[in-house]
Amino acid sequence: MYRAAVDLSRATLNHLAGVIRRHRTMIGSPWRLLNPGRQALLVPVHLRKGETFTELGAGFAVSTSTAWRYVQEAVALLAARSPKLTTALRTATRNGMHLLVLDGTLIACDRVRADRPHYSGKHRHHGMNVQVIAEPDGTILWTSGAMPRQHP
């Protein structure tokens, strides 16, 4: 059901499954409730479709906390592989890019009203600020980690 509903290529899912598989081999994890392919599918279902961990757990027949751990593990593995800012800028310079685009966006997140650092009055909802550096054609070179919205 999820494979048809998530708009990602098989190559992308296979890449993430391979990253997860290598990590499990490296840490000596003998077995998990979901194989690397199913975990690789669970992650974009959460990230792309915005399903809650409770919904993920029900859909993949794991507990809510297991769904959360699987997502956190995969996101950390992908983040570790992402280029650092200085590396991305050096690569852009080496490739002859003289113009880059810096932009930010607010990614909506669930927070209670008491979490003021995460509330955006402009957007009228809670969110995390993410900065992006891209080539003029839109190719993303670097993204920042999620940060609380900055107060003026």
C-alpha atoms as a PDB file:
ATOM      1  CA  MET A   1       0.000   0.000   0.000  1.00  0.00           C
ATOM      2  CA  TYR A   2       2.681   2.533   0.976  1.00  0.00           C
ATOM      3  CA  ARG A   3       4.934   1.847  -1.980  1.00  0.00           C
ATOM      4  CA  ALA A   4       2.228   3.131  -4.343  1.00  0.00           C
ATOM      5  CA  ALA A   5       1.453   6.144  -2.146  1.00  0.00           C
ATOM      6  CA  VAL A   6       5.023   7.445  -1.638  1.00  0.00           C
ATOM      7  CA  ASP A   7       6.437   9.258  -4.644  1.00  0.00           C
ATOM      8  CA  LEU A   8      10.024   8.000  -4.470  1.00  0.00           C
ATOM      9  CA  SER A   9      11.954   5.956  -6.968  1.00  0.00           C
ATOM     10  CA  ARG A  10      12.925   2.366  -6.293  1.00  0.00           C
ATOM     11  CA  ALA A  11      16.574   3.450  -6.600  1.00  0.00           C
ATOM     12  CA  THR A  12      16.126   5.928  -3.727  1.00  0.00           C
ATOM     13  CA  LEU A  13      14.523   3.288  -1.505  1.00  0.00           C
ATOM     14  CA  ASN A  14      17.245   0.784  -2.427  1.00  0.00           C
ATOM     15  CA  HIS A  15      19.931   3.352  -1.600  1.00  0.00           C
ATOM     16  CA  LEU A  16      18.458   4.010   1.852  1.00  0.00           C
ATOM     17  CA  ALA A  17      17.989   0.270   2.450  1.00  0.00           C
ATOM     18  CA  GLY A  18      21.665  -0.267   1.599  1.00  0.00           C
ATOM     19  CA  VAL A  19      22.752   2.457   4.032  1.00  0.00           C
ATOM     20  CA  ILE A  20      20.635   0.845   6.762  1.00  0.00           C
ATOM     21  CA  ARG A  21      21.884  -2.667   5.913  1.00  0.00           C
ATOM     22  CA  ARG A  22      25.538  -1.586   6.108  1.00  0.00           C
ATOM     23  CA  HIS A  23      24.914   0.173   9.417  1.00  0.00           C
ATOM     24  CA  ARG A  24      23.264  -2.902  10.906  1.00  0.00           C
ATOM     25  CA  THR A  25      26.189  -5.060   9.783  1.00  0.00           C
ATOM     26  CA  MET A  26      28.678  -2.579  11.242  1.00  0.00           C
ATOM     27  CA  ILE A  27      26.982  -2.479  14.673  1.00  0.00           C
ATOM     28  CA  GLY A  28      26.339  -6.236  14.662  1.00  0.00           C
ATOM     29  CA  SER A  29      22.565  -6.021  14.922  1.00  0.00           C
ATOM     30  CA  PRO A  30      21.391  -9.631  14.506  1.00  0.00           C
ATOM     31  CA  TRP A  31      17.739  -8.946  13.659  1.00  0.00           C
ATOM     32  CA  ARG A  32      15.054  -6.299  13.740  1.00  0.00           C
ATOM     33  CA  LEU A  33      11.287  -6.385  13.409  1.00  0.00           C
ATOM     34  CA  LEU A  34      11.561  -4.784   9.974  1.00  0.00           C
ATOM     35  CA  ASN A  35      14.170  -5.679   7.401  1.00  0.00           C
ATOM     36  CA  PRO A  36      16.225  -2.793   5.916  1.00  0.00           C
ATOM     37  CA  GLY A  37      13.897  -2.505   2.918  1.00  0.00           C
ATOM     38  CA  ARG A  38      10.793  -2.095   5.081  1.00  0.00           C
ATOM     39  CA  GLN A  39      12.591   0.386   7.346  1.00  0.00           C
ATOM     40  CA  ALA A  40      13.688   2.315   4.256  1.00  0.00           C
ATOM     41  CA  LEU A  41      10.032   2.512   3.220  1.00  0.00           C
ATOM     42  CA  LEU A  42       8.823   3.503   6.700  1.00  0.00           C
ATOM     43  CA  VAL A  43      11.072   6.585   6.806  1.00  0.00           C
ATOM     44  CA  PRO A  44       9.783   8.419   3.699  1.00  0.00           C
ATOM     45  CA  VAL A  45       6.211   7.528   4.661  1.00  0.00           C
ATOM     46  CA  HIS A  46       6.804   9.612   7.774  1.00  0.00           C
ATOM     47  CA  LEU A  47       8.875  12.331   6.123  1.00  0.00           C
ATOM     48  CA  ARG A  48       6.921  12.719   2.866  1.00  0.00           C
ATOM     49  CA  LYS A  49       3.386  11.896   3.957  1.00  0.00           C
ATOM     50  CA  GLY A  50       3.626  13.240   7.499  1.00  0.00           C
ATOM     51  CA  GLU A  51       2.114  10.188   9.137  1.00  0.00           C
ATOM     52  CA  THR A  52       2.435  10.061  12.903  1.00  0.00           C
ATOM     53  CA  PHE A  53       4.526   7.433  14.653  1.00  0.00           C
ATOM     54  CA  THR A  54       1.321   5.804  15.889  1.00  0.00           C
ATOM     55  CA  GLU A  55       0.054   5.526  12.303  1.00  0.00           C
ATOM     56  CA  LEU A  56       3.443   4.214  11.153  1.00  0.00           C
ATOM     57  CA  GLY A  57       3.440   1.607  13.910  1.00  0.00           C
ATOM     58  CA  ALA A  58      -0.007   0.415  12.920  1.00  0.00           C
ATOM     59  CA  GLY A  59       0.822   0.385   9.215  1.00  0.00           C
ATOM     60  CA  PHE A  60       4.096  -1.502   9.623  1.00  0.00           C
ATOM     61  CA  ALA A  61       3.039  -3.695  12.589  1.00  0.00           C
ATOM     62  CA  VAL A  62       5.603  -2.254  15.027  1.00  0.00           C
ATOM     63  CA  SER A  63       5.201  -0.243  18.221  1.00  0.00           C
ATOM     64  CA  THR A  64       5.084   3.539  18.176  1.00  0.00           C
ATOM     65  CA  SER A  65       8.470   3.743  19.909  1.00  0.00           C
ATOM     66  CA  THR A  66      10.011   1.310  17.399  1.00  0.00           C
ATOM     67  CA  ALA A  67       8.703   3.422  14.516  1.00  0.00           C
ATOM     68  CA  TRP A  68      10.250   6.507  16.157  1.00  0.00           C
ATOM     69  CA  ARG A  69      13.614   4.735  16.644  1.00  0.00           C
ATOM     70  CA  TYR A  70      13.652   3.503  13.031  1.00  0.00           C
ATOM     71  CA  VAL A  71      13.015   7.014  11.690  1.00  0.00           C
ATOM     72  CA  GLN A  72      15.592   8.614  14.008  1.00  0.00           C
ATOM     73  CA  GLU A  73      18.205   6.013  13.065  1.00  0.00           C
ATOM     74  CA  ALA A  74      17.711   6.470   9.307  1.00  0.00           C
ATOM     75  CA  VAL A  75      17.659  10.268   9.488  1.00  0.00           C
ATOM     76  CA  ALA A  76      20.901  10.236  11.510  1.00  0.00           C
ATOM     77  CA  LEU A  77      22.522   7.888   8.970  1.00  0.00           C
ATOM     78  CA  LEU A  78      21.514  10.160   6.072  1.00  0.00           C
ATOM     79  CA  ALA A  79      22.556  13.328   7.920  1.00  0.00           C
ATOM     80  CA  ALA A  80      26.000  11.847   8.541  1.00  0.00           C
ATOM     81  CA  ARG A  81      26.403  11.361   4.772  1.00  0.00           C
ATOM     82  CA  SER A  82      25.370  14.898   3.840  1.00  0.00           C
ATOM     83  CA  PRO A  83      28.054  17.397   2.833  1.00  0.00           C
ATOM     84  CA  LYS A  84      29.214  19.957   5.356  1.00  0.00           C
ATOM     85  CA  LEU A  85      28.834  23.640   4.463  1.00  0.00           C
ATOM     86  CA  THR A  86      32.531  24.233   3.730  1.00  0.00           C
ATOM     87  CA  THR A  87      32.681  21.114   1.534  1.00  0.00           C
ATOM     88  CA  ALA A  88      29.604  22.205  -0.443  1.00  0.00           C
ATOM     89  CA  LEU A  89      31.030  25.703  -0.992  1.00  0.00           C
ATOM     90  CA  ARG A  90      34.430  24.334  -2.063  1.00  0.00           C
ATOM     91  CA  THR A  91      32.718  21.989  -4.526  1.00  0.00           C
ATOM     92  CA  ALA A  92      30.661  24.862  -5.951  1.00  0.00           C
ATOM     93  CA  THR A  93      33.821  26.961  -6.380  1.00  0.00           C
ATOM     94  CA  ARG A  94      35.689  24.066  -7.995  1.00  0.00           C
ATOM     95  CA  ASN A  95      32.758  23.560 -10.426  1.00  0.00           C
ATOM     96  CA  GLY A  96      32.877  27.217 -11.464  1.00  0.00           C
ATOM     97  CA  MET A  97      29.679  28.302  -9.712  1.00  0.00           C
ATOM     98  CA  HIS A  98      29.950  32.051  -9.158  1.00  0.00           C
ATOM     99  CA  LEU A  99      26.360  32.504  -8.055  1.00  0.00           C
ATOM    100  CA  LEU A 100      24.513  30.501  -5.407  1.00  0.00           C
ATOM    101  CA  VAL A 101      21.051  30.926  -3.965  1.00  0.00           C
ATOM    102  CA  LEU A 102      20.548  31.040  -0.200  1.00  0.00           C
ATOM    103  CA  ASP A 103      16.979  30.640   0.984  1.00  0.00           C
ATOM    104  CA  GLY A 104      15.167  29.393   4.028  1.00  0.00           C
ATOM    105  CA  THR A 105      11.850  27.815   4.733  1.00  0.00           C
ATOM    106  CA  LEU A 106       9.750  26.966   7.739  1.00  0.00           C
ATOM    107  CA  ILE A 107       8.961  23.257   8.029  1.00  0.00           C
ATOM    108  CA  ALA A 108       5.750  22.754   9.987  1.00  0.00           C
ATOM    109  CA  CYS A 109       6.005  20.672  13.155  1.00  0.00           C
ATOM    110  CA  ASP A 110       3.774  19.680  16.046  1.00  0.00           C
ATOM    111  CA  ARG A 111       4.387  21.762  19.147  1.00  0.00           C
ATOM    112  CA  VAL A 112       2.310  23.059  22.000  1.00  0.00           C
ATOM    113  CA  ARG A 113       1.657  26.769  22.290  1.00  0.00           C
ATOM    114  CA  ALA A 114       4.138  26.990  25.197  1.00  0.00           C
ATOM    115  CA  ASP A 115       6.987  26.204  22.771  1.00  0.00           C
ATOM    116  CA  ARG A 116       7.369  29.832  21.673  1.00  0.00           C
ATOM    117  CA  PRO A 117      10.770  29.381  19.971  1.00  0.00           C
ATOM    118  CA  HIS A 118       9.044  27.129  17.449  1.00  0.00           C
ATOM    119  CA  TYR A 119       6.049  29.383  16.736  1.00  0.00           C
ATOM    120  CA  SER A 120       6.046  31.572  13.632  1.00  0.00           C
ATOM    121  CA  GLY A 121       3.692  34.531  13.750  1.00  0.00           C
ATOM    122  CA  LYS A 122       4.238  35.098  10.027  1.00  0.00           C
ATOM    123  CA  HIS A 123       3.106  31.574   9.135  1.00  0.00           C
ATOM    124  CA  ARG A 124       0.764  31.233  12.133  1.00  0.00           C
ATOM    125  CA  HIS A 125       1.959  27.751  13.072  1.00  0.00           C
ATOM    126  CA  HIS A 126       4.858  25.989  14.736  1.00  0.00           C
ATOM    127  CA  GLY A 127       7.849  25.053  12.656  1.00  0.00           C
ATOM    128  CA  MET A 128      11.572  24.630  12.310  1.00  0.00           C
ATOM    129  CA  ASN A 129      13.730  26.909  10.167  1.00  0.00           C
ATOM    130  CA  VAL A 130      15.833  25.190   7.474  1.00  0.00           C
ATOM    131  CA  GLN A 131      18.357  27.096   5.339  1.00  0.00           C
ATOM    132  CA  VAL A 132      19.258  25.847   1.846  1.00  0.00           C
ATOM    133  CA  ILE A 133      22.089  26.692  -0.542  1.00  0.00           C
ATOM    134  CA  ALA A 134      21.349  25.785  -4.149  1.00  0.00           C
ATOM    135  CA  GLU A 135      22.664  26.324  -7.634  1.00  0.00           C
ATOM    136  CA  PRO A 136      20.644  28.751  -9.805  1.00  0.00           C
ATOM    137  CA  ASP A 137      18.985  25.766 -11.560  1.00  0.00           C
ATOM    138  CA  GLY A 138      17.641  24.554  -8.196  1.00  0.00           C
ATOM    139  CA  THR A 139      20.131  21.777  -7.514  1.00  0.00           C
ATOM    140  CA  ILE A 140      20.508  21.626  -3.731  1.00  0.00           C
ATOM    141  CA  LEU A 141      24.098  21.753  -2.520  1.00  0.00           C
ATOM    142  CA  TRP A 142      23.585  21.998   1.226  1.00  0.00           C
ATOM    143  CA  THR A 143      20.840  22.199   3.831  1.00  0.00           C
ATOM    144  CA  SER A 144      21.177  23.240   7.433  1.00  0.00           C
ATOM    145  CA  GLY A 145      19.874  21.258  10.328  1.00  0.00           C
ATOM    146  CA  ALA A 146      16.444  22.220  11.610  1.00  0.00           C
ATOM    147  CA  MET A 147      16.636  25.211  13.944  1.00  0.00           C
ATOM    148  CA  PRO A 148      14.013  26.978  16.041  1.00  0.00           C
ATOM    149  CA  ARG A 149      12.650  30.080  14.355  1.00  0.00           C
ATOM    150  CA  GLN A 150      14.873  33.064  15.115  1.00  0.00           C
ATOM    151  CA  HIS A 151      13.314  35.994  16.929  1.00  0.00           C
ATOM    152  CA  PRO A 152      13.904  39.422  15.332  1.00  0.00           C
END
